[in-house]
Amino acid sequence: SFPSFRGEKTALRGIPGKLPDLSVENKGCMFKDRCSYA
């Protein structure tokens, strides 16, 4: 998500989704809902 000033130019990619609600119980990995490997 950050531009590189060296090497080949690559397209910036945002991170889809949003932070989880920390006021409720969250099981497992905190990043699971935004992770393509989950």
Full PDB file with SEQRES, HELIX, SHEET, SSBOND, CRYST1, ORIGX, SCALE, CONECT and MASTER records, all heavy atoms in Angstrom:
SEQRES   1 A   38  SER PHE PRO SER PHE ARG GLY GLU LYS THR ALA LEU ARG          
SEQRES   2 A   38  GLY ILE PRO GLY LYS LEU PRO ASP LEU SER VAL GLU ASN          
SEQRES   3 A   38  LYS GLY CYS MET PHE LYS ASP ARG CYS SER TYR ALA              
HELIX    1 AA1 LYS A   32  ARG A   34  5                                   3    
CRYST1    1.000    1.000    1.000  90.00  90.00  90.00 P 1           1          
ORIGX1      1.000000  0.000000  0.000000        0.00000                         
ORIGX2      0.000000  1.000000  0.000000        0.00000                         
ORIGX3      0.000000  0.000000  1.000000        0.00000                         
SCALE1      1.000000  0.000000  0.000000        0.00000                         
SCALE2      0.000000  1.000000  0.000000        0.00000                         
SCALE3      0.000000  0.000000  1.000000        0.00000                         
ATOM      1  N   SER A   1       0.814  -1.219   0.000  1.00  0.00           N  
ATOM      2  CA  SER A   1       0.000   0.000   0.000  1.00  0.00           C  
ATOM      3  C   SER A   1       0.846   1.266   0.000  1.00  0.00           C  
ATOM      4  O   SER A   1       0.302   2.374  -0.035  1.00  0.00           O  
ATOM      5  CB  SER A   1      -0.936   0.009   1.217  1.00  0.00           C  
ATOM      6  OG  SER A   1      -0.207   0.138   2.421  1.00  0.00           O  
ATOM      7  N   PHE A   2       2.187   1.117   0.051  1.00  0.00           N  
ATOM      8  CA  PHE A   2       3.083   2.270   0.018  1.00  0.00           C  
ATOM      9  C   PHE A   2       3.880   2.277  -1.273  1.00  0.00           C  
ATOM     10  O   PHE A   2       4.308   1.216  -1.755  1.00  0.00           O  
ATOM     11  CB  PHE A   2       4.053   2.238   1.214  1.00  0.00           C  
ATOM     12  CG  PHE A   2       3.463   2.763   2.483  1.00  0.00           C  
ATOM     13  CD1 PHE A   2       2.738   1.934   3.319  1.00  0.00           C  
ATOM     14  CD2 PHE A   2       3.616   4.095   2.841  1.00  0.00           C  
ATOM     15  CE1 PHE A   2       2.177   2.420   4.486  1.00  0.00           C  
ATOM     16  CE2 PHE A   2       3.069   4.590   4.003  1.00  0.00           C  
ATOM     17  CZ  PHE A   2       2.344   3.749   4.826  1.00  0.00           C  
ATOM     18  N   PRO A   3       4.097   3.460  -1.846  1.00  0.00           N  
ATOM     19  CA  PRO A   3       4.855   3.533  -3.105  1.00  0.00           C  
ATOM     20  C   PRO A   3       6.329   3.249  -2.882  1.00  0.00           C  
ATOM     21  O   PRO A   3       6.891   3.550  -1.829  1.00  0.00           O  
ATOM     22  CB  PRO A   3       4.646   4.987  -3.560  1.00  0.00           C  
ATOM     23  CG  PRO A   3       4.394   5.745  -2.287  1.00  0.00           C  
ATOM     24  CD  PRO A   3       3.648   4.791  -1.392  1.00  0.00           C  
ATOM     25  N   SER A   4       6.951   2.650  -3.868  1.00  0.00           N  
ATOM     26  CA  SER A   4       8.385   2.386  -3.830  1.00  0.00           C  
ATOM     27  C   SER A   4       9.103   3.386  -4.725  1.00  0.00           C  
ATOM     28  O   SER A   4       8.645   3.680  -5.836  1.00  0.00           O  
ATOM     29  CB  SER A   4       8.676   0.963  -4.306  1.00  0.00           C  
ATOM     30  OG  SER A   4      10.065   0.752  -4.401  1.00  0.00           O  
ATOM     31  N   PHE A   5      10.209   3.913  -4.216  1.00  0.00           N  
ATOM     32  CA  PHE A   5      10.977   4.881  -4.996  1.00  0.00           C  
ATOM     33  C   PHE A   5      12.141   4.224  -5.740  1.00  0.00           C  
ATOM     34  O   PHE A   5      12.892   4.886  -6.435  1.00  0.00           O  
ATOM     35  CB  PHE A   5      11.509   5.988  -4.079  1.00  0.00           C  
ATOM     36  CG  PHE A   5      10.413   6.823  -3.480  1.00  0.00           C  
ATOM     37  CD1 PHE A   5       9.992   6.609  -2.184  1.00  0.00           C  
ATOM     38  CD2 PHE A   5       9.786   7.802  -4.225  1.00  0.00           C  
ATOM     39  CE1 PHE A   5       8.974   7.377  -1.629  1.00  0.00           C  
ATOM     40  CE2 PHE A   5       8.761   8.566  -3.690  1.00  0.00           C  
ATOM     41  CZ  PHE A   5       8.363   8.350  -2.380  1.00  0.00           C  
ATOM     42  N   ARG A   6      12.291   2.923  -5.538  1.00  0.00           N  
ATOM     43  CA  ARG A   6      13.373   2.203  -6.199  1.00  0.00           C  
ATOM     44  C   ARG A   6      12.799   0.978  -6.900  1.00  0.00           C  
ATOM     45  O   ARG A   6      11.767   0.446  -6.517  1.00  0.00           O  
ATOM     46  CB  ARG A   6      14.431   1.780  -5.182  1.00  0.00           C  
ATOM     47  CG  ARG A   6      15.133   2.949  -4.493  1.00  0.00           C  
ATOM     48  CD  ARG A   6      16.134   2.453  -3.475  1.00  0.00           C  
ATOM     49  NE  ARG A   6      16.801   3.557  -2.784  1.00  0.00           N  
ATOM     50  CZ  ARG A   6      17.660   3.408  -1.788  1.00  0.00           C  
ATOM     51  NH1 ARG A   6      17.970   2.193  -1.361  1.00  0.00           N  
ATOM     52  NH2 ARG A   6      18.211   4.471  -1.218  1.00  0.00           N  
ATOM     53  N   GLY A   7      13.512   0.498  -7.907  1.00  0.00           N  
ATOM     54  CA  GLY A   7      13.080  -0.696  -8.606  1.00  0.00           C  
ATOM     55  C   GLY A   7      11.926  -0.417  -9.555  1.00  0.00           C  
ATOM     56  O   GLY A   7      11.621   0.721  -9.906  1.00  0.00           O  
ATOM     57  N   GLU A   8      11.271  -1.500  -9.967  1.00  0.00           N  
ATOM     58  CA  GLU A   8      10.174  -1.378 -10.912  1.00  0.00           C  
ATOM     59  C   GLU A   8       8.951  -0.745 -10.255  1.00  0.00           C  
ATOM     60  O   GLU A   8       8.690  -0.938  -9.075  1.00  0.00           O  
ATOM     61  CB  GLU A   8       9.804  -2.768 -11.446  1.00  0.00           C  
ATOM     62  CG  GLU A   8      10.900  -3.433 -12.262  1.00  0.00           C  
ATOM     63  CD  GLU A   8      10.450  -4.774 -12.813  1.00  0.00           C  
ATOM     64  OE1 GLU A   8       9.249  -5.099 -12.679  1.00  0.00           O  
ATOM     65  OE2 GLU A   8      11.299  -5.485 -13.369  1.00  0.00           O  
ATOM     66  N   LYS A   9       8.198   0.001 -11.067  1.00  0.00           N  
ATOM     67  CA  LYS A   9       6.968   0.601 -10.571  1.00  0.00           C  
ATOM     68  C   LYS A   9       5.882  -0.473 -10.481  1.00  0.00           C  
ATOM     69  O   LYS A   9       5.718  -1.284 -11.384  1.00  0.00           O  
ATOM     70  CB  LYS A   9       6.505   1.725 -11.497  1.00  0.00           C  
ATOM     71  CG  LYS A   9       7.426   2.935 -11.507  1.00  0.00           C  
ATOM     72  CD  LYS A   9       6.873   4.029 -12.408  1.00  0.00           C  
ATOM     73  CE  LYS A   9       7.787   5.250 -12.405  1.00  0.00           C  
ATOM     74  NZ  LYS A   9       7.259   6.331 -13.276  1.00  0.00           N  
ATOM     75  N   THR A  10       5.154  -0.474  -9.371  1.00  0.00           N  
ATOM     76  CA  THR A  10       4.069  -1.424  -9.180  1.00  0.00           C  
ATOM     77  C   THR A  10       2.811  -0.668  -8.751  1.00  0.00           C  
ATOM     78  O   THR A  10       2.896   0.381  -8.119  1.00  0.00           O  
ATOM     79  CB  THR A  10       4.414  -2.477  -8.108  1.00  0.00           C  
ATOM     80  OG1 THR A  10       4.735  -1.810  -6.873  1.00  0.00           O  
ATOM     81  CG2 THR A  10       5.610  -3.322  -8.548  1.00  0.00           C  
ATOM     82  N   ALA A  11       1.675  -1.211  -9.086  1.00  0.00           N  
ATOM     83  CA  ALA A  11       0.413  -0.577  -8.713  1.00  0.00           C  
ATOM     84  C   ALA A  11       0.183  -0.697  -7.214  1.00  0.00           C  
ATOM     85  O   ALA A  11       0.446  -1.748  -6.614  1.00  0.00           O  
ATOM     86  CB  ALA A  11      -0.740  -1.239  -9.466  1.00  0.00           C  
ATOM     87  N   LEU A  12      -0.266   0.407  -6.608  1.00  0.00           N  
ATOM     88  CA  LEU A  12      -0.572   0.371  -5.185  1.00  0.00           C  
ATOM     89  C   LEU A  12      -1.881  -0.381  -4.969  1.00  0.00           C  
ATOM     90  O   LEU A  12      -2.823  -0.257  -5.739  1.00  0.00           O  
ATOM     91  CB  LEU A  12      -0.692   1.793  -4.628  1.00  0.00           C  
ATOM     92  CG  LEU A  12       0.558   2.664  -4.713  1.00  0.00           C  
ATOM     93  CD1 LEU A  12       0.276   4.025  -4.089  1.00  0.00           C  
ATOM     94  CD2 LEU A  12       1.732   2.000  -4.019  1.00  0.00           C  
ATOM     95  N   ARG A  13      -1.900  -1.158  -3.891  1.00  0.00           N  
ATOM     96  CA  ARG A  13      -3.091  -1.932  -3.576  1.00  0.00           C  
ATOM     97  C   ARG A  13      -3.559  -1.609  -2.163  1.00  0.00           C  
ATOM     98  O   ARG A  13      -2.803  -1.752  -1.210  1.00  0.00           O  
ATOM     99  CB  ARG A  13      -2.803  -3.430  -3.693  1.00  0.00           C  
ATOM    100  CG  ARG A  13      -2.566  -3.912  -5.098  1.00  0.00           C  
ATOM    101  CD  ARG A  13      -2.490  -5.429  -5.108  1.00  0.00           C  
ATOM    102  NE  ARG A  13      -1.172  -5.888  -5.472  1.00  0.00           N  
ATOM    103  CZ  ARG A  13      -0.780  -7.154  -5.400  1.00  0.00           C  
ATOM    104  NH1 ARG A  13      -1.604  -8.073  -4.946  1.00  0.00           N  
ATOM    105  NH2 ARG A  13       0.438  -7.498  -5.762  1.00  0.00           N  
ATOM    106  N   GLY A  14      -4.784  -1.147  -2.046  1.00  0.00           N  
ATOM    107  CA  GLY A  14      -5.335  -0.901  -0.725  1.00  0.00           C  
ATOM    108  C   GLY A  14      -5.702  -2.203  -0.037  1.00  0.00           C  
ATOM    109  O   GLY A  14      -5.713  -3.274  -0.652  1.00  0.00           O  
ATOM    110  N   ILE A  15      -5.996  -2.111   1.263  1.00  0.00           N  
ATOM    111  CA  ILE A  15      -6.410  -3.287   2.024  1.00  0.00           C  
ATOM    112  C   ILE A  15      -7.928  -3.231   2.169  1.00  0.00           C  
ATOM    113  O   ILE A  15      -8.446  -2.356   2.856  1.00  0.00           O  
ATOM    114  CB  ILE A  15      -5.738  -3.308   3.416  1.00  0.00           C  
ATOM    115  CG1 ILE A  15      -4.221  -3.184   3.278  1.00  0.00           C  
ATOM    116  CG2 ILE A  15      -6.100  -4.581   4.160  1.00  0.00           C  
ATOM    117  CD1 ILE A  15      -3.489  -3.065   4.607  1.00  0.00           C  
ATOM    118  N   PRO A  16      -8.648  -4.114   1.526  1.00  0.00           N  
ATOM    119  CA  PRO A  16     -10.115  -4.060   1.602  1.00  0.00           C  
ATOM    120  C   PRO A  16     -10.610  -4.371   3.010  1.00  0.00           C  
ATOM    121  O   PRO A  16      -9.930  -5.021   3.801  1.00  0.00           O  
ATOM    122  CB  PRO A  16     -10.551  -5.141   0.611  1.00  0.00           C  
ATOM    123  CG  PRO A  16      -9.401  -6.080   0.536  1.00  0.00           C  
ATOM    124  CD  PRO A  16      -8.176  -5.238   0.709  1.00  0.00           C  
ATOM    125  N   GLY A  17     -11.836  -3.900   3.304  1.00  0.00           N  
ATOM    126  CA  GLY A  17     -12.420  -4.169   4.612  1.00  0.00           C  
ATOM    127  C   GLY A  17     -12.050  -3.121   5.641  1.00  0.00           C  
ATOM    128  O   GLY A  17     -11.484  -2.078   5.323  1.00  0.00           O  
ATOM    129  N   LYS A  18     -12.350  -3.405   6.902  1.00  0.00           N  
ATOM    130  CA  LYS A  18     -12.076  -2.468   7.981  1.00  0.00           C  
ATOM    131  C   LYS A  18     -11.689  -3.215   9.249  1.00  0.00           C  
ATOM    132  O   LYS A  18     -11.850  -4.443   9.341  1.00  0.00           O  
ATOM    133  CB  LYS A  18     -13.309  -1.596   8.241  1.00  0.00           C  
ATOM    134  CG  LYS A  18     -14.547  -2.370   8.638  1.00  0.00           C  
ATOM    135  CD  LYS A  18     -15.738  -1.443   8.835  1.00  0.00           C  
ATOM    136  CE  LYS A  18     -16.987  -2.237   9.228  1.00  0.00           C  
ATOM    137  NZ  LYS A  18     -18.163  -1.344   9.431  1.00  0.00           N  
ATOM    138  N   LEU A  19     -11.182  -2.473  10.223  1.00  0.00           N  
ATOM    139  CA  LEU A  19     -10.784  -3.073  11.494  1.00  0.00           C  
ATOM    140  C   LEU A  19     -11.981  -3.742  12.162  1.00  0.00           C  
ATOM    141  O   LEU A  19     -13.110  -3.252  12.068  1.00  0.00           O  
ATOM    142  CB  LEU A  19     -10.220  -2.000  12.435  1.00  0.00           C  
ATOM    143  CG  LEU A  19      -8.823  -1.465  12.141  1.00  0.00           C  
ATOM    144  CD1 LEU A  19      -8.587  -0.183  12.908  1.00  0.00           C  
ATOM    145  CD2 LEU A  19      -7.769  -2.491  12.520  1.00  0.00           C  
ATOM    146  N   PRO A  20     -11.757  -4.843  12.882  1.00  0.00           N  
ATOM    147  CA  PRO A  20     -12.857  -5.491  13.599  1.00  0.00           C  
ATOM    148  C   PRO A  20     -13.289  -4.664  14.807  1.00  0.00           C  
ATOM    149  O   PRO A  20     -12.558  -3.792  15.272  1.00  0.00           O  
ATOM    150  CB  PRO A  20     -12.231  -6.825  14.044  1.00  0.00           C  
ATOM    151  CG  PRO A  20     -10.771  -6.543  14.139  1.00  0.00           C  
ATOM    152  CD  PRO A  20     -10.483  -5.564  13.040  1.00  0.00           C  
ATOM    153  N   ASP A  21     -14.488  -4.921  15.284  1.00  0.00           N  
ATOM    154  CA  ASP A  21     -15.016  -4.266  16.482  1.00  0.00           C  
ATOM    155  C   ASP A  21     -14.314  -4.849  17.703  1.00  0.00           C  
ATOM    156  O   ASP A  21     -14.497  -6.027  18.033  1.00  0.00           O  
ATOM    157  CB  ASP A  21     -16.523  -4.488  16.562  1.00  0.00           C  
ATOM    158  CG  ASP A  21     -17.166  -3.728  17.719  1.00  0.00           C  
ATOM    159  OD1 ASP A  21     -16.429  -3.174  18.564  1.00  0.00           O  
ATOM    160  OD2 ASP A  21     -18.408  -3.698  17.783  1.00  0.00           O  
ATOM    161  N   LEU A  22     -13.508  -4.050  18.382  1.00  0.00           N  
ATOM    162  CA  LEU A  22     -12.726  -4.537  19.521  1.00  0.00           C  
ATOM    163  C   LEU A  22     -13.528  -4.594  20.811  1.00  0.00           C  
ATOM    164  O   LEU A  22     -13.004  -4.980  21.850  1.00  0.00           O  
ATOM    165  CB  LEU A  22     -11.484  -3.658  19.718  1.00  0.00           C  
ATOM    166  CG  LEU A  22     -10.534  -3.560  18.518  1.00  0.00           C  
ATOM    167  CD1 LEU A  22      -9.297  -2.740  18.881  1.00  0.00           C  
ATOM    168  CD2 LEU A  22     -10.122  -4.951  18.026  1.00  0.00           C  
ATOM    169  N   SER A  23     -14.799  -4.206  20.758  1.00  0.00           N  
ATOM    170  CA  SER A  23     -15.649  -4.259  21.948  1.00  0.00           C  
ATOM    171  C   SER A  23     -16.437  -5.569  22.036  1.00  0.00           C  
ATOM    172  O   SER A  23     -17.177  -5.786  22.989  1.00  0.00           O  
ATOM    173  CB  SER A  23     -16.621  -3.079  21.967  1.00  0.00           C  
ATOM    174  OG  SER A  23     -17.562  -3.182  20.916  1.00  0.00           O  
ATOM    175  N   VAL A  24     -16.278  -6.435  21.024  1.00  0.00           N  
ATOM    176  CA  VAL A  24     -16.925  -7.749  21.057  1.00  0.00           C  
ATOM    177  C   VAL A  24     -15.849  -8.824  21.061  1.00  0.00           C  
ATOM    178  O   VAL A  24     -14.681  -8.569  20.750  1.00  0.00           O  
ATOM    179  CB  VAL A  24     -17.861  -7.935  19.837  1.00  0.00           C  
ATOM    180  CG1 VAL A  24     -18.940  -6.873  19.827  1.00  0.00           C  
ATOM    181  CG2 VAL A  24     -17.078  -7.909  18.521  1.00  0.00           C  
ATOM    182  N   GLU A  25     -16.232 -10.036  21.424  1.00  0.00           N  
ATOM    183  CA  GLU A  25     -15.272 -11.136  21.460  1.00  0.00           C  
ATOM    184  C   GLU A  25     -14.858 -11.492  20.034  1.00  0.00           C  
ATOM    185  O   GLU A  25     -15.695 -11.712  19.158  1.00  0.00           O  
ATOM    186  CB  GLU A  25     -15.885 -12.349  22.135  1.00  0.00           C  
ATOM    187  CG  GLU A  25     -14.932 -13.521  22.231  1.00  0.00           C  
ATOM    188  CD  GLU A  25     -15.556 -14.750  22.875  1.00  0.00           C  
ATOM    189  OE1 GLU A  25     -16.743 -14.678  23.244  1.00  0.00           O  
ATOM    190  OE2 GLU A  25     -14.856 -15.774  22.996  1.00  0.00           O  
ATOM    191  N   ASN A  26     -13.555 -11.546  19.822  1.00  0.00           N  
ATOM    192  CA  ASN A  26     -13.024 -11.907  18.509  1.00  0.00           C  
ATOM    193  C   ASN A  26     -12.217 -13.195  18.627  1.00  0.00           C  
ATOM    194  O   ASN A  26     -11.230 -13.247  19.373  1.00  0.00           O  
ATOM    195  CB  ASN A  26     -12.134 -10.790  17.965  1.00  0.00           C  
ATOM    196  CG  ASN A  26     -12.918  -9.584  17.492  1.00  0.00           C  
ATOM    197  OD1 ASN A  26     -13.453  -9.572  16.397  1.00  0.00           O  
ATOM    198  ND2 ASN A  26     -13.010  -8.561  18.334  1.00  0.00           N  
ATOM    199  N   LYS A  27     -12.636 -14.219  17.923  1.00  0.00           N  
ATOM    200  CA  LYS A  27     -11.917 -15.487  17.934  1.00  0.00           C  
ATOM    201  C   LYS A  27     -10.865 -15.510  16.825  1.00  0.00           C  
ATOM    202  O   LYS A  27     -10.964 -14.792  15.837  1.00  0.00           O  
ATOM    203  CB  LYS A  27     -12.889 -16.648  17.728  1.00  0.00           C  
ATOM    204  CG  LYS A  27     -13.897 -16.850  18.849  1.00  0.00           C  
ATOM    205  CD  LYS A  27     -14.771 -18.051  18.546  1.00  0.00           C  
ATOM    206  CE  LYS A  27     -15.774 -18.289  19.667  1.00  0.00           C  
ATOM    207  NZ  LYS A  27     -16.650 -19.463  19.376  1.00  0.00           N  
ATOM    208  N   GLY A  28      -9.891 -16.372  17.023  1.00  0.00           N  
ATOM    209  CA  GLY A  28      -8.903 -16.599  15.982  1.00  0.00           C  
ATOM    210  C   GLY A  28      -8.025 -15.406  15.682  1.00  0.00           C  
ATOM    211  O   GLY A  28      -7.767 -14.557  16.537  1.00  0.00           O  
ATOM    212  N   CYS A  29      -7.577 -15.315  14.431  1.00  0.00           N  
ATOM    213  CA  CYS A  29      -6.687 -14.236  13.992  1.00  0.00           C  
ATOM    214  C   CYS A  29      -7.476 -12.944  13.806  1.00  0.00           C  
ATOM    215  O   CYS A  29      -8.551 -12.949  13.203  1.00  0.00           O  
ATOM    216  CB  CYS A  29      -6.014 -14.636  12.686  1.00  0.00           C  
ATOM    217  SG  CYS A  29      -4.955 -13.348  11.976  1.00  0.00           S  
ATOM    218  N   MET A  30      -6.944 -11.833  14.283  1.00  0.00           N  
ATOM    219  CA  MET A  30      -7.637 -10.559  14.176  1.00  0.00           C  
ATOM    220  C   MET A  30      -7.731 -10.081  12.728  1.00  0.00           C  
ATOM    221  O   MET A  30      -8.602  -9.286  12.380  1.00  0.00           O  
ATOM    222  CB  MET A  30      -6.927  -9.501  15.027  1.00  0.00           C  
ATOM    223  CG  MET A  30      -6.923  -9.799  16.530  1.00  0.00           C  
ATOM    224  SD  MET A  30      -8.586  -9.960  17.218  1.00  0.00           S  
ATOM    225  CE  MET A  30      -9.175  -8.276  17.074  1.00  0.00           C  
ATOM    226  N   PHE A  31      -6.865 -10.574  11.856  1.00  0.00           N  
ATOM    227  CA  PHE A  31      -6.834 -10.113  10.470  1.00  0.00           C  
ATOM    228  C   PHE A  31      -7.646 -11.016   9.538  1.00  0.00           C  
ATOM    229  O   PHE A  31      -7.715 -10.771   8.342  1.00  0.00           O  
ATOM    230  CB  PHE A  31      -5.379 -10.040   9.990  1.00  0.00           C  
ATOM    231  CG  PHE A  31      -5.183  -9.373   8.660  1.00  0.00           C  
ATOM    232  CD1 PHE A  31      -5.622  -8.076   8.426  1.00  0.00           C  
ATOM    233  CD2 PHE A  31      -4.562 -10.051   7.618  1.00  0.00           C  
ATOM    234  CE1 PHE A  31      -5.436  -7.463   7.200  1.00  0.00           C  
ATOM    235  CE2 PHE A  31      -4.368  -9.444   6.380  1.00  0.00           C  
ATOM    236  CZ  PHE A  31      -4.815  -8.144   6.174  1.00  0.00           C  
ATOM    237  N   LYS A  32      -8.292 -12.029  10.067  1.00  0.00           N  
ATOM    238  CA  LYS A  32      -8.910 -13.072   9.238  1.00  0.00           C  
ATOM    239  C   LYS A  32      -9.933 -12.543   8.233  1.00  0.00           C  
ATOM    240  O   LYS A  32     -10.030 -13.047   7.110  1.00  0.00           O  
ATOM    241  CB  LYS A  32      -9.561 -14.127  10.137  1.00  0.00           C  
ATOM    242  CG  LYS A  32     -10.649 -13.577  11.062  1.00  0.00           C  
ATOM    243  CD  LYS A  32     -11.169 -14.658  11.991  1.00  0.00           C  
ATOM    244  CE  LYS A  32     -12.256 -14.106  12.923  1.00  0.00           C  
ATOM    245  NZ  LYS A  32     -11.720 -13.103  13.867  1.00  0.00           N  
ATOM    246  N   ASP A  33     -10.726 -11.533   8.623  1.00  0.00           N  
ATOM    247  CA  ASP A  33     -11.803 -11.059   7.752  1.00  0.00           C  
ATOM    248  C   ASP A  33     -11.292 -10.255   6.556  1.00  0.00           C  
ATOM    249  O   ASP A  33     -12.055 -10.002   5.616  1.00  0.00           O  
ATOM    250  CB  ASP A  33     -12.790 -10.194   8.556  1.00  0.00           C  
ATOM    251  CG  ASP A  33     -13.542 -11.005   9.604  1.00  0.00           C  
ATOM    252  OD1 ASP A  33     -13.710 -12.223   9.398  1.00  0.00           O  
ATOM    253  OD2 ASP A  33     -13.941 -10.426  10.635  1.00  0.00           O  
ATOM    254  N   ARG A  34     -10.035  -9.849   6.583  1.00  0.00           N  
ATOM    255  CA  ARG A  34      -9.470  -9.065   5.478  1.00  0.00           C  
ATOM    256  C   ARG A  34      -8.346  -9.810   4.764  1.00  0.00           C  
ATOM    257  O   ARG A  34      -7.684  -9.251   3.898  1.00  0.00           O  
ATOM    258  CB  ARG A  34      -8.937  -7.722   6.005  1.00  0.00           C  
ATOM    259  CG  ARG A  34      -9.982  -6.901   6.730  1.00  0.00           C  
ATOM    260  CD  ARG A  34      -9.381  -5.671   7.402  1.00  0.00           C  
ATOM    261  NE  ARG A  34      -9.007  -4.646   6.445  1.00  0.00           N  
ATOM    262  CZ  ARG A  34      -8.430  -3.484   6.801  1.00  0.00           C  
ATOM    263  NH1 ARG A  34      -8.187  -3.229   8.081  1.00  0.00           N  
ATOM    264  NH2 ARG A  34      -8.124  -2.590   5.884  1.00  0.00           N  
ATOM    265  N   CYS A  35      -8.147 -11.060   5.143  1.00  0.00           N  
ATOM    266  CA  CYS A  35      -6.999 -11.822   4.658  1.00  0.00           C  
ATOM    267  C   CYS A  35      -7.418 -12.817   3.582  1.00  0.00           C  
ATOM    268  O   CYS A  35      -8.335 -13.619   3.784  1.00  0.00           O  
ATOM    269  CB  CYS A  35      -6.342 -12.562   5.825  1.00  0.00           C  
ATOM    270  SG  CYS A  35      -4.881 -13.530   5.347  1.00  0.00           S  
ATOM    271  N   SER A  36      -6.729 -12.783   2.459  1.00  0.00           N  
ATOM    272  CA  SER A  36      -7.050 -13.694   1.357  1.00  0.00           C  
ATOM    273  C   SER A  36      -6.528 -15.109   1.606  1.00  0.00           C  
ATOM    274  O   SER A  36      -6.894 -16.047   0.882  1.00  0.00           O  
ATOM    275  CB  SER A  36      -6.466 -13.148   0.046  1.00  0.00           C  
ATOM    276  OG  SER A  36      -5.059 -12.998   0.154  1.00  0.00           O  
ATOM    277  N   TYR A  37      -5.678 -15.285   2.621  1.00  0.00           N  
ATOM    278  CA  TYR A  37      -5.133 -16.607   2.935  1.00  0.00           C  
ATOM    279  C   TYR A  37      -5.906 -17.311   4.050  1.00  0.00           C  
ATOM    280  O   TYR A  37      -5.593 -18.450   4.391  1.00  0.00           O  
ATOM    281  CB  TYR A  37      -3.672 -16.483   3.384  1.00  0.00           C  
ATOM    282  CG  TYR A  37      -2.746 -15.900   2.346  1.00  0.00           C  
ATOM    283  CD1 TYR A  37      -2.470 -14.532   2.322  1.00  0.00           C  
ATOM    284  CD2 TYR A  37      -2.134 -16.696   1.385  1.00  0.00           C  
ATOM    285  CE1 TYR A  37      -1.619 -13.983   1.377  1.00  0.00           C  
ATOM    286  CE2 TYR A  37      -1.277 -16.164   0.431  1.00  0.00           C  
ATOM    287  CZ  TYR A  37      -1.025 -14.804   0.437  1.00  0.00           C  
ATOM    288  OH  TYR A  37      -0.183 -14.271  -0.504  1.00  0.00           O  
ATOM    289  N   ALA A  38      -6.899 -16.649   4.635  1.00  0.00           N  
ATOM    290  CA  ALA A  38      -7.590 -17.173   5.818  1.00  0.00           C  
ATOM    291  C   ALA A  38      -8.316 -18.492   5.518  1.00  0.00           C  
ATOM    292  O   ALA A  38      -8.966 -18.644   4.486  1.00  0.00           O  
ATOM    293  CB  ALA A  38      -8.567 -16.138   6.350  1.00  0.00           C  
TER     294      ALA A  38                                                      
MASTER        0    0    0    1    0    0    0    6  293    1    0    3          
END                                                                             
